[in-house]
Amino acid sequence: MKSESSVSDDCFCQNFNKHINADEAHRDLAQLKSRLSEVKKNPVMKEFLEDPDNNEIFYVALKHPTNKNLAALDERFKSFYRINRIIRYLSGFI
């Protein structure tokens, strides 16, 4: 059974990564900006933003939400999240 935090993380990350088109990405970004302090408390986002490169990409995308910057952030977060999930899964065997 997943913890409440884990379920919350999964929900947030799935919503963050579901961008189909630029308009949807910009709407999600506006929502993200309005909830930024709450989002930064999310354990997955905290870990993501600890990496200086991820942090820079995140804030560049917030300040300059071009399709290129949003795509870079989306790709970086997807990669981070996949690796994070694999590590959590493998850690469960230890």
N, C-alpha and C. Protein backbone atom coordinates (compact mmCIF):
# COMPACT_ATOMS: atom_id res chain seq x y z
N MET A 1 0.84 -1.19 0.00
CA MET A 1 0.00 0.00 0.00
C MET A 1 0.88 1.24 0.00
N LYS A 2 0.57 2.20 -0.84
CA LYS A 2 1.36 3.42 -0.93
C LYS A 2 1.02 4.37 0.21
N SER A 3 2.06 5.10 0.65
CA SER A 3 1.81 6.11 1.66
C SER A 3 1.08 7.28 1.02
N GLU A 4 0.48 8.11 1.86
CA GLU A 4 -0.24 9.29 1.35
C GLU A 4 0.70 10.19 0.57
N SER A 5 1.94 10.35 1.06
CA SER A 5 2.92 11.19 0.38
C SER A 5 3.27 10.62 -0.98
N SER A 6 3.43 9.30 -1.05
CA SER A 6 3.77 8.64 -2.31
C SER A 6 2.65 8.82 -3.33
N VAL A 7 1.42 8.67 -2.90
CA VAL A 7 0.27 8.86 -3.80
C VAL A 7 0.25 10.30 -4.29
N SER A 8 0.49 11.25 -3.40
CA SER A 8 0.53 12.66 -3.76
C SER A 8 1.63 12.93 -4.77
N ASP A 9 2.82 12.34 -4.53
CA ASP A 9 3.95 12.52 -5.45
C ASP A 9 3.60 11.99 -6.83
N ASP A 10 3.02 10.78 -6.88
CA ASP A 10 2.67 10.18 -8.17
C ASP A 10 1.67 11.05 -8.92
N CYS A 11 0.66 11.54 -8.23
CA CYS A 11 -0.37 12.38 -8.85
C CYS A 11 0.25 13.65 -9.40
N PHE A 12 1.08 14.31 -8.60
CA PHE A 12 1.72 15.55 -9.04
C PHE A 12 2.59 15.31 -10.26
N CYS A 13 3.40 14.27 -10.20
CA CYS A 13 4.34 14.01 -11.28
C CYS A 13 3.63 13.61 -12.57
N GLN A 14 2.56 12.84 -12.46
CA GLN A 14 1.82 12.48 -13.66
C GLN A 14 1.20 13.71 -14.29
N ASN A 15 0.65 14.60 -13.48
CA ASN A 15 0.06 15.82 -14.01
C ASN A 15 1.13 16.71 -14.63
N PHE A 16 2.29 16.77 -14.01
CA PHE A 16 3.36 17.63 -14.49
C PHE A 16 3.87 17.16 -15.85
N ASN A 17 3.86 15.86 -16.07
CA ASN A 17 4.46 15.30 -17.27
C ASN A 17 3.49 15.00 -18.40
N LYS A 18 2.23 15.36 -18.30
CA LYS A 18 1.25 14.93 -19.30
C LYS A 18 1.08 15.92 -20.45
N HIS A 19 1.97 16.89 -20.61
CA HIS A 19 1.81 17.93 -21.62
C HIS A 19 1.68 17.35 -23.02
N ILE A 20 0.59 17.71 -23.66
CA ILE A 20 0.34 17.24 -25.01
C ILE A 20 0.64 18.34 -26.01
N ASN A 21 0.34 19.57 -25.64
CA ASN A 21 0.60 20.68 -26.55
C ASN A 21 1.05 21.91 -25.77
N ALA A 22 1.48 22.92 -26.48
CA ALA A 22 2.03 24.12 -25.85
C ALA A 22 0.99 24.86 -25.00
N ASP A 23 -0.25 24.95 -25.48
CA ASP A 23 -1.28 25.65 -24.70
C ASP A 23 -1.50 24.98 -23.35
N GLU A 24 -1.57 23.68 -23.37
CA GLU A 24 -1.75 22.93 -22.12
C GLU A 24 -0.54 23.11 -21.20
N ALA A 25 0.63 23.10 -21.77
CA ALA A 25 1.85 23.30 -20.98
C ALA A 25 1.85 24.67 -20.33
N HIS A 26 1.44 25.70 -21.06
CA HIS A 26 1.40 27.06 -20.51
C HIS A 26 0.34 27.19 -19.41
N ARG A 27 -0.79 26.53 -19.57
CA ARG A 27 -1.82 26.55 -18.52
C ARG A 27 -1.29 25.87 -17.25
N ASP A 28 -0.65 24.72 -17.44
CA ASP A 28 -0.08 24.01 -16.29
C ASP A 28 1.01 24.83 -15.62
N LEU A 29 1.79 25.55 -16.41
CA LEU A 29 2.83 26.40 -15.86
C LEU A 29 2.23 27.53 -15.03
N ALA A 30 1.16 28.12 -15.50
CA ALA A 30 0.49 29.18 -14.74
C ALA A 30 -0.02 28.64 -13.40
N GLN A 31 -0.57 27.44 -13.43
CA GLN A 31 -1.03 26.81 -12.19
C GLN A 31 0.15 26.51 -11.27
N LEU A 32 1.24 26.06 -11.84
CA LEU A 32 2.44 25.78 -11.07
C LEU A 32 2.95 27.05 -10.39
N LYS A 33 2.99 28.15 -11.12
CA LYS A 33 3.45 29.42 -10.55
C LYS A 33 2.58 29.85 -9.37
N SER A 34 1.28 29.65 -9.49
CA SER A 34 0.38 30.07 -8.41
C SER A 34 0.53 29.20 -7.16
N ARG A 35 1.05 27.99 -7.32
CA ARG A 35 1.22 27.07 -6.20
C ARG A 35 2.69 26.79 -5.91
N LEU A 36 3.58 27.68 -6.32
CA LEU A 36 5.01 27.42 -6.25
C LEU A 36 5.50 27.06 -4.85
N SER A 37 5.09 27.80 -3.84
CA SER A 37 5.58 27.50 -2.49
C SER A 37 5.13 26.10 -2.04
N GLU A 38 3.92 25.72 -2.40
CA GLU A 38 3.42 24.38 -2.06
C GLU A 38 4.17 23.31 -2.86
N VAL A 39 4.40 23.57 -4.13
CA VAL A 39 5.08 22.61 -5.00
C VAL A 39 6.50 22.36 -4.51
N LYS A 40 7.18 23.41 -4.07
CA LYS A 40 8.56 23.27 -3.61
C LYS A 40 8.68 22.46 -2.33
N LYS A 41 7.57 22.25 -1.63
CA LYS A 41 7.57 21.42 -0.42
C LYS A 41 7.39 19.93 -0.76
N ASN A 42 6.98 19.64 -1.98
CA ASN A 42 6.80 18.26 -2.42
C ASN A 42 8.15 17.55 -2.38
N PRO A 43 8.24 16.38 -1.73
CA PRO A 43 9.53 15.69 -1.60
C PRO A 43 10.21 15.39 -2.94
N VAL A 44 9.45 15.04 -3.94
CA VAL A 44 10.04 14.75 -5.25
C VAL A 44 10.61 16.03 -5.86
N MET A 45 9.86 17.12 -5.77
CA MET A 45 10.35 18.39 -6.32
C MET A 45 11.55 18.91 -5.53
N LYS A 46 11.53 18.73 -4.21
CA LYS A 46 12.68 19.14 -3.40
C LYS A 46 13.94 18.45 -3.90
N GLU A 47 13.83 17.14 -4.10
CA GLU A 47 14.99 16.38 -4.57
C GLU A 47 15.38 16.80 -5.98
N PHE A 48 14.41 17.02 -6.84
CA PHE A 48 14.69 17.46 -8.21
C PHE A 48 15.44 18.79 -8.21
N LEU A 49 14.99 19.72 -7.38
CA LEU A 49 15.57 21.07 -7.37
C LEU A 49 16.89 21.14 -6.61
N GLU A 50 17.29 20.08 -5.91
CA GLU A 50 18.59 20.06 -5.24
C GLU A 50 19.73 20.03 -6.25
N ASP A 51 19.48 19.48 -7.41
CA ASP A 51 20.50 19.45 -8.46
C ASP A 51 20.56 20.84 -9.09
N PRO A 52 21.73 21.48 -9.09
CA PRO A 52 21.84 22.85 -9.63
C PRO A 52 21.38 22.98 -11.09
N ASP A 53 21.66 21.97 -11.91
CA ASP A 53 21.23 22.02 -13.31
C ASP A 53 19.71 21.97 -13.42
N ASN A 54 19.09 21.09 -12.65
CA ASN A 54 17.63 21.00 -12.65
C ASN A 54 17.01 22.30 -12.15
N ASN A 55 17.60 22.85 -11.09
CA ASN A 55 17.11 24.10 -10.51
C ASN A 55 17.14 25.22 -11.55
N GLU A 56 18.25 25.31 -12.27
CA GLU A 56 18.38 26.36 -13.29
C GLU A 56 17.34 26.18 -14.40
N ILE A 57 17.21 24.96 -14.90
CA ILE A 57 16.24 24.69 -15.96
C ILE A 57 14.82 25.02 -15.49
N PHE A 58 14.50 24.67 -14.25
CA PHE A 58 13.18 24.94 -13.68
C PHE A 58 12.89 26.43 -13.66
N TYR A 59 13.82 27.22 -13.11
CA TYR A 59 13.55 28.65 -12.98
C TYR A 59 13.64 29.40 -14.31
N VAL A 60 14.46 28.92 -15.23
CA VAL A 60 14.48 29.51 -16.57
C VAL A 60 13.13 29.28 -17.25
N ALA A 61 12.59 28.07 -17.11
CA ALA A 61 11.28 27.77 -17.72
C ALA A 61 10.17 28.60 -17.08
N LEU A 62 10.27 28.88 -15.78
CA LEU A 62 9.27 29.72 -15.13
C LEU A 62 9.35 31.16 -15.61
N LYS A 63 10.57 31.67 -15.75
CA LYS A 63 10.76 33.08 -16.14
C LYS A 63 10.55 33.29 -17.64
N HIS A 64 10.95 32.31 -18.44
CA HIS A 64 10.87 32.41 -19.90
C HIS A 64 10.23 31.14 -20.45
N PRO A 65 8.90 31.04 -20.38
CA PRO A 65 8.21 29.80 -20.75
C PRO A 65 8.07 29.58 -22.26
N THR A 66 9.20 29.53 -22.94
CA THR A 66 9.16 29.20 -24.36
C THR A 66 8.94 27.70 -24.52
N ASN A 67 8.52 27.29 -25.69
CA ASN A 67 8.33 25.86 -25.93
C ASN A 67 9.63 25.09 -25.71
N LYS A 68 10.75 25.68 -26.12
CA LYS A 68 12.06 25.04 -25.95
C LYS A 68 12.38 24.85 -24.46
N ASN A 69 12.17 25.89 -23.66
CA ASN A 69 12.47 25.80 -22.22
C ASN A 69 11.53 24.83 -21.51
N LEU A 70 10.26 24.85 -21.89
CA LEU A 70 9.30 23.93 -21.28
C LEU A 70 9.62 22.48 -21.66
N ALA A 71 10.02 22.27 -22.90
CA ALA A 71 10.38 20.92 -23.34
C ALA A 71 11.63 20.43 -22.62
N ALA A 72 12.60 21.33 -22.42
CA ALA A 72 13.82 20.96 -21.69
C ALA A 72 13.49 20.57 -20.25
N LEU A 73 12.64 21.35 -19.61
CA LEU A 73 12.23 21.05 -18.24
C LEU A 73 11.46 19.73 -18.20
N ASP A 74 10.54 19.55 -19.11
CA ASP A 74 9.74 18.33 -19.15
C ASP A 74 10.63 17.10 -19.31
N GLU A 75 11.56 17.17 -20.24
CA GLU A 75 12.45 16.03 -20.49
C GLU A 75 13.35 15.76 -19.28
N ARG A 76 13.89 16.81 -18.69
CA ARG A 76 14.76 16.65 -17.52
C ARG A 76 13.98 16.03 -16.35
N PHE A 77 12.75 16.51 -16.14
CA PHE A 77 11.96 15.98 -15.03
C PHE A 77 11.56 14.53 -15.28
N LYS A 78 11.18 14.20 -16.50
CA LYS A 78 10.82 12.82 -16.82
C LYS A 78 12.00 11.88 -16.55
N SER A 79 13.18 12.28 -16.98
CA SER A 79 14.38 11.47 -16.76
C SER A 79 14.64 11.30 -15.27
N PHE A 80 14.60 12.40 -14.53
CA PHE A 80 14.80 12.36 -13.09
C PHE A 80 13.77 11.45 -12.43
N TYR A 81 12.53 11.59 -12.81
CA TYR A 81 11.46 10.83 -12.17
C TYR A 81 11.59 9.33 -12.45
N ARG A 82 11.94 8.98 -13.68
CA ARG A 82 12.14 7.55 -14.01
C ARG A 82 13.24 6.95 -13.15
N ILE A 83 14.36 7.65 -13.07
CA ILE A 83 15.49 7.17 -12.26
C ILE A 83 15.08 7.07 -10.80
N ASN A 84 14.39 8.09 -10.30
CA ASN A 84 13.94 8.11 -8.92
C ASN A 84 13.04 6.92 -8.62
N ARG A 85 12.12 6.61 -9.50
CA ARG A 85 11.20 5.48 -9.30
C ARG A 85 11.96 4.15 -9.32
N ILE A 86 12.93 4.02 -10.19
CA ILE A 86 13.73 2.79 -10.25
C ILE A 86 14.50 2.61 -8.95
N ILE A 87 15.10 3.68 -8.46
CA ILE A 87 15.85 3.61 -7.21
C ILE A 87 14.92 3.24 -6.05
N ARG A 88 13.75 3.86 -5.99
CA ARG A 88 12.79 3.51 -4.93
C ARG A 88 12.38 2.04 -5.02
N TYR A 89 12.16 1.57 -6.22
CA TYR A 89 11.76 0.18 -6.42
C TYR A 89 12.87 -0.77 -5.96
N LEU A 90 14.09 -0.51 -6.41
CA LEU A 90 15.21 -1.37 -6.04
C LEU A 90 15.53 -1.29 -4.55
N SER A 91 15.35 -0.13 -3.97
CA SER A 91 15.58 0.03 -2.52
C SER A 91 14.61 -0.81 -1.71
N GLY A 92 13.47 -1.09 -2.26
CA GLY A 92 12.49 -1.92 -1.57
C GLY A 92 12.96 -3.36 -1.38
N PHE A 93 13.93 -3.78 -2.18
CA PHE A 93 14.47 -5.13 -2.06
C PHE A 93 15.54 -5.24 -0.97
N ILE A 94 16.04 -4.11 -0.54
CA ILE A 94 17.14 -4.11 0.45
C ILE A 94 16.59 -4.22 1.85
